Amino acid sequence: MKKLLLAGLLIASSAFAECTYYSENAKVTWKAFKTYEKIGVGGTFDHVVFSPRSAKTSEEFLVGSNITINTATVNSGNAGRDATLVASFFKTQNVDSITAKILSVKDLKAQVEITMNGVTKQIPMSYTIHDGKIAGKGVIDLSDFAMLKSLQSINKTCFDLHAGKTWQDVEIGFEIPVANNCY
């Protein structure tokens, strides 16, 4: 009887196990658009500093987490394009970094505060949790961040490649690999 009671207590206590979400890495993605056909060109940034919170739920983990992006490390998979993006887009307005902080989450939607070019805006993003990753996506409008001078610069530099059209909306995203330690 004692063995049966002990086994029952162990099973019951494991059902109420504590979990801690944590991560050491994050990836920021972007996709900009060129030509009137709106052809997407995407990439990441090679240097981001992610400051997550260790938490007991995925929601607690996300809220308050922040990231700082070094814009000089833009990576589209094409070194020539990356150099052009740095020189003719980010450096045009001296945007050396972009920061983001997750303010709130509810029903797989996040409010993310993004600061770029000295302008801070709240951007809605949707996210999913699947296979040990939290992945989010949203859209920014470069005019909201007073980045039209940079947009005009990249459009002029890449006029022929972009067939005269560079779009001001940019898809943004993040991927956070998470560990869920239950003990």
C-alpha atoms as a PDB file:
ATOM      1  CA  MET A   1       0.000   0.000   0.000  1.00  0.00           C
ATOM      2  CA  LYS A   2       2.849   2.410   0.866  1.00  0.00           C
ATOM      3  CA  LYS A   3       4.509   1.737  -2.513  1.00  0.00           C
ATOM      4  CA  LEU A   4       1.252   2.447  -4.318  1.00  0.00           C
ATOM      5  CA  LEU A   5       0.759   5.698  -2.370  1.00  0.00           C
ATOM      6  CA  LEU A   6       4.361   6.787  -3.050  1.00  0.00           C
ATOM      7  CA  ALA A   7       3.989   6.038  -6.773  1.00  0.00           C
ATOM      8  CA  GLY A   8       0.756   8.045  -6.852  1.00  0.00           C
ATOM      9  CA  LEU A   9       2.448  11.021  -5.177  1.00  0.00           C
ATOM     10  CA  LEU A  10       5.342  10.921  -7.661  1.00  0.00           C
ATOM     11  CA  ILE A  11       2.962  10.850 -10.613  1.00  0.00           C
ATOM     12  CA  ALA A  12       0.877  13.681  -9.171  1.00  0.00           C
ATOM     13  CA  SER A  13       3.938  15.825  -8.437  1.00  0.00           C
ATOM     14  CA  SER A  14       5.274  15.353 -11.974  1.00  0.00           C
ATOM     15  CA  ALA A  15       1.973  16.616 -13.353  1.00  0.00           C
ATOM     16  CA  PHE A  16       2.631  19.912 -11.567  1.00  0.00           C
ATOM     17  CA  ALA A  17       6.320  20.155 -12.557  1.00  0.00           C
ATOM     18  CA  GLU A  18       7.889  23.589 -12.814  1.00  0.00           C
ATOM     19  CA  CYS A  19       9.018  24.654 -16.272  1.00  0.00           C
ATOM     20  CA  THR A  20      11.493  27.353 -17.152  1.00  0.00           C
ATOM     21  CA  TYR A  21      11.738  28.860 -20.633  1.00  0.00           C
ATOM     22  CA  TYR A  22      15.094  30.247 -21.663  1.00  0.00           C
ATOM     23  CA  SER A  23      17.147  30.977 -24.763  1.00  0.00           C
ATOM     24  CA  GLU A  24      20.614  32.162 -25.609  1.00  0.00           C
ATOM     25  CA  ASN A  25      20.088  33.004 -29.266  1.00  0.00           C
ATOM     26  CA  ALA A  26      17.693  34.871 -31.497  1.00  0.00           C
ATOM     27  CA  LYS A  27      17.542  35.502 -35.206  1.00  0.00           C
ATOM     28  CA  VAL A  28      16.040  38.609 -36.808  1.00  0.00           C
ATOM     29  CA  THR A  29      14.755  38.333 -40.368  1.00  0.00           C
ATOM     30  CA  TRP A  30      13.630  40.915 -42.921  1.00  0.00           C
ATOM     31  CA  LYS A  31      12.253  40.989 -46.424  1.00  0.00           C
ATOM     32  CA  ALA A  32      12.227  44.164 -48.525  1.00  0.00           C
ATOM     33  CA  PHE A  33      10.612  44.506 -51.925  1.00  0.00           C
ATOM     34  CA  LYS A  34      11.761  45.793 -55.296  1.00  0.00           C
ATOM     35  CA  THR A  35      10.226  46.310 -58.769  1.00  0.00           C
ATOM     36  CA  TYR A  36       6.549  46.849 -59.534  1.00  0.00           C
ATOM     37  CA  GLU A  37       6.129  43.068 -59.386  1.00  0.00           C
ATOM     38  CA  LYS A  38       7.115  43.390 -55.690  1.00  0.00           C
ATOM     39  CA  ILE A  39       9.938  40.862 -55.733  1.00  0.00           C
ATOM     40  CA  GLY A  40      11.132  40.097 -52.216  1.00  0.00           C
ATOM     41  CA  VAL A  41      14.752  40.185 -51.098  1.00  0.00           C
ATOM     42  CA  GLY A  42      15.367  38.930 -47.584  1.00  0.00           C
ATOM     43  CA  GLY A  43      18.010  38.244 -45.047  1.00  0.00           C
ATOM     44  CA  THR A  44      19.118  38.452 -41.455  1.00  0.00           C
ATOM     45  CA  PHE A  45      21.629  40.327 -39.325  1.00  0.00           C
ATOM     46  CA  ASP A  46      24.781  38.526 -38.200  1.00  0.00           C
ATOM     47  CA  HIS A  47      25.145  40.411 -34.915  1.00  0.00           C
ATOM     48  CA  VAL A  48      22.185  40.745 -32.608  1.00  0.00           C
ATOM     49  CA  VAL A  49      22.225  40.977 -28.827  1.00  0.00           C
ATOM     50  CA  PHE A  50      19.224  39.201 -27.348  1.00  0.00           C
ATOM     51  CA  SER A  51      18.302  39.820 -23.715  1.00  0.00           C
ATOM     52  CA  PRO A  52      15.583  37.357 -22.789  1.00  0.00           C
ATOM     53  CA  ARG A  53      14.040  36.727 -19.429  1.00  0.00           C
ATOM     54  CA  SER A  54      14.004  33.313 -17.844  1.00  0.00           C
ATOM     55  CA  ALA A  55      10.361  32.587 -17.053  1.00  0.00           C
ATOM     56  CA  LYS A  56       7.848  29.922 -16.175  1.00  0.00           C
ATOM     57  CA  THR A  57       5.585  30.478 -19.207  1.00  0.00           C
ATOM     58  CA  SER A  58       6.226  31.401 -22.814  1.00  0.00           C
ATOM     59  CA  GLU A  59       4.248  34.620 -22.298  1.00  0.00           C
ATOM     60  CA  GLU A  60       6.393  35.679 -19.323  1.00  0.00           C
ATOM     61  CA  PHE A  61       9.490  34.752 -21.312  1.00  0.00           C
ATOM     62  CA  LEU A  62       8.545  37.010 -24.212  1.00  0.00           C
ATOM     63  CA  VAL A  63       7.292  40.095 -22.358  1.00  0.00           C
ATOM     64  CA  GLY A  64      10.252  42.329 -21.568  1.00  0.00           C
ATOM     65  CA  SER A  65      12.684  40.465 -23.812  1.00  0.00           C
ATOM     66  CA  ASN A  66      14.628  42.823 -26.025  1.00  0.00           C
ATOM     67  CA  ILE A  67      17.090  42.766 -28.868  1.00  0.00           C
ATOM     68  CA  THR A  68      19.660  45.158 -30.291  1.00  0.00           C
ATOM     69  CA  ILE A  69      20.594  44.791 -33.950  1.00  0.00           C
ATOM     70  CA  ASN A  70      23.883  45.992 -35.449  1.00  0.00           C
ATOM     71  CA  THR A  71      22.788  47.212 -38.897  1.00  0.00           C
ATOM     72  CA  ALA A  72      26.326  46.950 -40.323  1.00  0.00           C
ATOM     73  CA  THR A  73      25.950  43.163 -40.088  1.00  0.00           C
ATOM     74  CA  VAL A  74      23.033  42.911 -42.534  1.00  0.00           C
ATOM     75  CA  ASN A  75      23.249  39.597 -44.387  1.00  0.00           C
ATOM     76  CA  SER A  76      21.226  38.984 -47.543  1.00  0.00           C
ATOM     77  CA  GLY A  77      23.484  36.196 -48.763  1.00  0.00           C
ATOM     78  CA  ASN A  78      25.132  38.572 -51.260  1.00  0.00           C
ATOM     79  CA  ALA A  79      28.185  40.514 -50.011  1.00  0.00           C
ATOM     80  CA  GLY A  80      27.857  43.228 -52.673  1.00  0.00           C
ATOM     81  CA  ARG A  81      24.191  43.797 -51.832  1.00  0.00           C
ATOM     82  CA  ASP A  82      25.022  43.876 -48.116  1.00  0.00           C
ATOM     83  CA  ALA A  83      27.660  46.575 -48.643  1.00  0.00           C
ATOM     84  CA  THR A  84      25.140  48.604 -50.669  1.00  0.00           C
ATOM     85  CA  LEU A  85      22.482  48.226 -47.958  1.00  0.00           C
ATOM     86  CA  VAL A  86      24.892  49.477 -45.302  1.00  0.00           C
ATOM     87  CA  ALA A  87      26.268  52.381 -47.360  1.00  0.00           C
ATOM     88  CA  SER A  88      23.175  53.486 -49.268  1.00  0.00           C
ATOM     89  CA  PHE A  89      20.453  52.679 -46.767  1.00  0.00           C
ATOM     90  CA  PHE A  90      21.539  52.502 -43.120  1.00  0.00           C
ATOM     91  CA  LYS A  91      24.469  54.953 -43.300  1.00  0.00           C
ATOM     92  CA  THR A  92      22.423  57.522 -45.267  1.00  0.00           C
ATOM     93  CA  GLN A  93      20.671  58.400 -42.002  1.00  0.00           C
ATOM     94  CA  ASN A  94      23.359  57.091 -39.613  1.00  0.00           C
ATOM     95  CA  VAL A  95      21.244  54.182 -38.375  1.00  0.00           C
ATOM     96  CA  ASP A  96      23.835  52.003 -36.671  1.00  0.00           C
ATOM     97  CA  SER A  97      21.402  49.974 -34.583  1.00  0.00           C
ATOM     98  CA  ILE A  98      17.772  49.013 -34.225  1.00  0.00           C
ATOM     99  CA  THR A  99      16.235  47.972 -30.921  1.00  0.00           C
ATOM    100  CA  ALA A 100      13.069  46.054 -30.176  1.00  0.00           C
ATOM    101  CA  LYS A 101      11.290  45.111 -26.976  1.00  0.00           C
ATOM    102  CA  ILE A 102       8.241  42.885 -26.573  1.00  0.00           C
ATOM    103  CA  LEU A 103       5.723  44.877 -24.526  1.00  0.00           C
ATOM    104  CA  SER A 104       2.813  42.453 -24.340  1.00  0.00           C
ATOM    105  CA  VAL A 105       1.492  39.173 -25.689  1.00  0.00           C
ATOM    106  CA  LYS A 106      -1.991  37.732 -25.888  1.00  0.00           C
ATOM    107  CA  ASP A 107      -3.567  35.072 -28.085  1.00  0.00           C
ATOM    108  CA  LEU A 108      -0.354  34.577 -30.112  1.00  0.00           C
ATOM    109  CA  LYS A 109      -0.137  38.309 -30.876  1.00  0.00           C
ATOM    110  CA  ALA A 110       2.664  40.534 -29.589  1.00  0.00           C
ATOM    111  CA  GLN A 111       3.046  44.296 -29.308  1.00  0.00           C
ATOM    112  CA  VAL A 112       6.673  45.060 -30.094  1.00  0.00           C
ATOM    113  CA  GLU A 113       8.274  48.434 -29.493  1.00  0.00           C
ATOM    114  CA  ILE A 114      10.803  49.109 -32.257  1.00  0.00           C
ATOM    115  CA  THR A 115      13.222  52.027 -32.255  1.00  0.00           C
ATOM    116  CA  MET A 116      14.984  52.966 -35.493  1.00  0.00           C
ATOM    117  CA  ASN A 117      16.381  56.322 -36.590  1.00  0.00           C
ATOM    118  CA  GLY A 118      15.438  57.830 -33.225  1.00  0.00           C
ATOM    119  CA  VAL A 119      11.751  56.990 -33.759  1.00  0.00           C
ATOM    120  CA  THR A 120       9.905  54.501 -31.551  1.00  0.00           C
ATOM    121  CA  LYS A 121       6.729  52.762 -32.724  1.00  0.00           C
ATOM    122  CA  GLN A 122       4.626  49.885 -31.463  1.00  0.00           C
ATOM    123  CA  ILE A 123       4.284  47.207 -34.123  1.00  0.00           C
ATOM    124  CA  PRO A 124       1.803  44.321 -33.894  1.00  0.00           C
ATOM    125  CA  MET A 125       3.308  40.932 -34.656  1.00  0.00           C
ATOM    126  CA  SER A 126       1.852  37.456 -34.707  1.00  0.00           C
ATOM    127  CA  TYR A 127       3.861  34.538 -33.381  1.00  0.00           C
ATOM    128  CA  THR A 128       3.816  30.766 -33.162  1.00  0.00           C
ATOM    129  CA  ILE A 129       5.438  28.262 -30.845  1.00  0.00           C
ATOM    130  CA  HIS A 130       6.471  25.071 -32.589  1.00  0.00           C
ATOM    131  CA  ASP A 131       9.297  22.524 -32.417  1.00  0.00           C
ATOM    132  CA  GLY A 132      11.282  24.404 -29.776  1.00  0.00           C
ATOM    133  CA  LYS A 133      11.048  27.777 -31.555  1.00  0.00           C
ATOM    134  CA  ILE A 134       9.071  30.940 -31.088  1.00  0.00           C
ATOM    135  CA  ALA A 135       8.692  32.619 -34.476  1.00  0.00           C
ATOM    136  CA  GLY A 136       7.140  36.038 -35.031  1.00  0.00           C
ATOM    137  CA  LYS A 137       6.278  38.124 -38.054  1.00  0.00           C
ATOM    138  CA  GLY A 138       4.988  41.591 -38.814  1.00  0.00           C
ATOM    139  CA  VAL A 139       5.368  44.523 -41.197  1.00  0.00           C
ATOM    140  CA  ILE A 140       6.893  47.964 -40.778  1.00  0.00           C
ATOM    141  CA  ASP A 141       6.441  51.025 -42.969  1.00  0.00           C
ATOM    142  CA  LEU A 142       9.731  52.900 -43.406  1.00  0.00           C
ATOM    143  CA  SER A 143       7.911  56.234 -43.386  1.00  0.00           C
ATOM    144  CA  ASP A 144       6.808  55.541 -39.784  1.00  0.00           C
ATOM    145  CA  PHE A 145      10.492  55.626 -38.809  1.00  0.00           C
ATOM    146  CA  ALA A 146      11.371  58.710 -40.902  1.00  0.00           C
ATOM    147  CA  MET A 147      13.452  56.482 -43.209  1.00  0.00           C
ATOM    148  CA  LEU A 148      12.258  57.823 -46.573  1.00  0.00           C
ATOM    149  CA  LYS A 149      15.595  59.565 -47.183  1.00  0.00           C
ATOM    150  CA  SER A 150      17.288  56.157 -46.891  1.00  0.00           C
ATOM    151  CA  LEU A 151      14.621  54.595 -49.096  1.00  0.00           C
ATOM    152  CA  GLN A 152      15.212  57.249 -51.783  1.00  0.00           C
ATOM    153  CA  SER A 153      18.963  56.662 -51.522  1.00  0.00           C
ATOM    154  CA  ILE A 154      18.726  52.890 -52.015  1.00  0.00           C
ATOM    155  CA  ASN A 155      16.195  53.378 -54.822  1.00  0.00           C
ATOM    156  CA  LYS A 156      18.592  55.769 -56.591  1.00  0.00           C
ATOM    157  CA  THR A 157      21.607  53.490 -56.061  1.00  0.00           C
ATOM    158  CA  CYS A 158      19.714  50.418 -57.269  1.00  0.00           C
ATOM    159  CA  PHE A 159      17.421  52.129 -59.772  1.00  0.00           C
ATOM    160  CA  ASP A 160      18.120  49.740 -62.658  1.00  0.00           C
ATOM    161  CA  LEU A 161      18.132  46.594 -60.472  1.00  0.00           C
ATOM    162  CA  HIS A 162      14.837  47.641 -58.875  1.00  0.00           C
ATOM    163  CA  ALA A 163      13.284  48.790 -62.170  1.00  0.00           C
ATOM    164  CA  GLY A 164      12.707  52.174 -60.560  1.00  0.00           C
ATOM    165  CA  LYS A 165      10.679  50.900 -57.599  1.00  0.00           C
ATOM    166  CA  THR A 166      11.687  50.141 -54.007  1.00  0.00           C
ATOM    167  CA  TRP A 167       8.756  49.579 -51.647  1.00  0.00           C
ATOM    168  CA  GLN A 168       8.537  51.221 -48.221  1.00  0.00           C
ATOM    169  CA  ASP A 169       6.929  48.268 -46.431  1.00  0.00           C
ATOM    170  CA  VAL A 170       9.311  45.669 -45.011  1.00  0.00           C
ATOM    171  CA  GLU A 171       8.365  42.318 -43.539  1.00  0.00           C
ATOM    172  CA  ILE A 172      10.149  41.664 -40.257  1.00  0.00           C
ATOM    173  CA  GLY A 173      10.448  38.556 -38.169  1.00  0.00           C
ATOM    174  CA  PHE A 174      12.196  36.807 -35.348  1.00  0.00           C
ATOM    175  CA  GLU A 175      13.055  33.238 -34.424  1.00  0.00           C
ATOM    176  CA  ILE A 176      13.934  32.344 -30.868  1.00  0.00           C
ATOM    177  CA  PRO A 177      15.016  28.803 -30.128  1.00  0.00           C
ATOM    178  CA  VAL A 178      13.772  28.008 -26.625  1.00  0.00           C
ATOM    179  CA  ALA A 179      14.490  25.357 -24.103  1.00  0.00           C
ATOM    180  CA  ASN A 180      11.710  24.316 -21.814  1.00  0.00           C
ATOM    181  CA  ASN A 181      13.237  22.718 -18.735  1.00  0.00           C
ATOM    182  CA  CYS A 182      10.663  20.859 -16.723  1.00  0.00           C
ATOM    183  CA  TYR A 183      11.885  19.361 -13.490  1.00  0.00           C
END
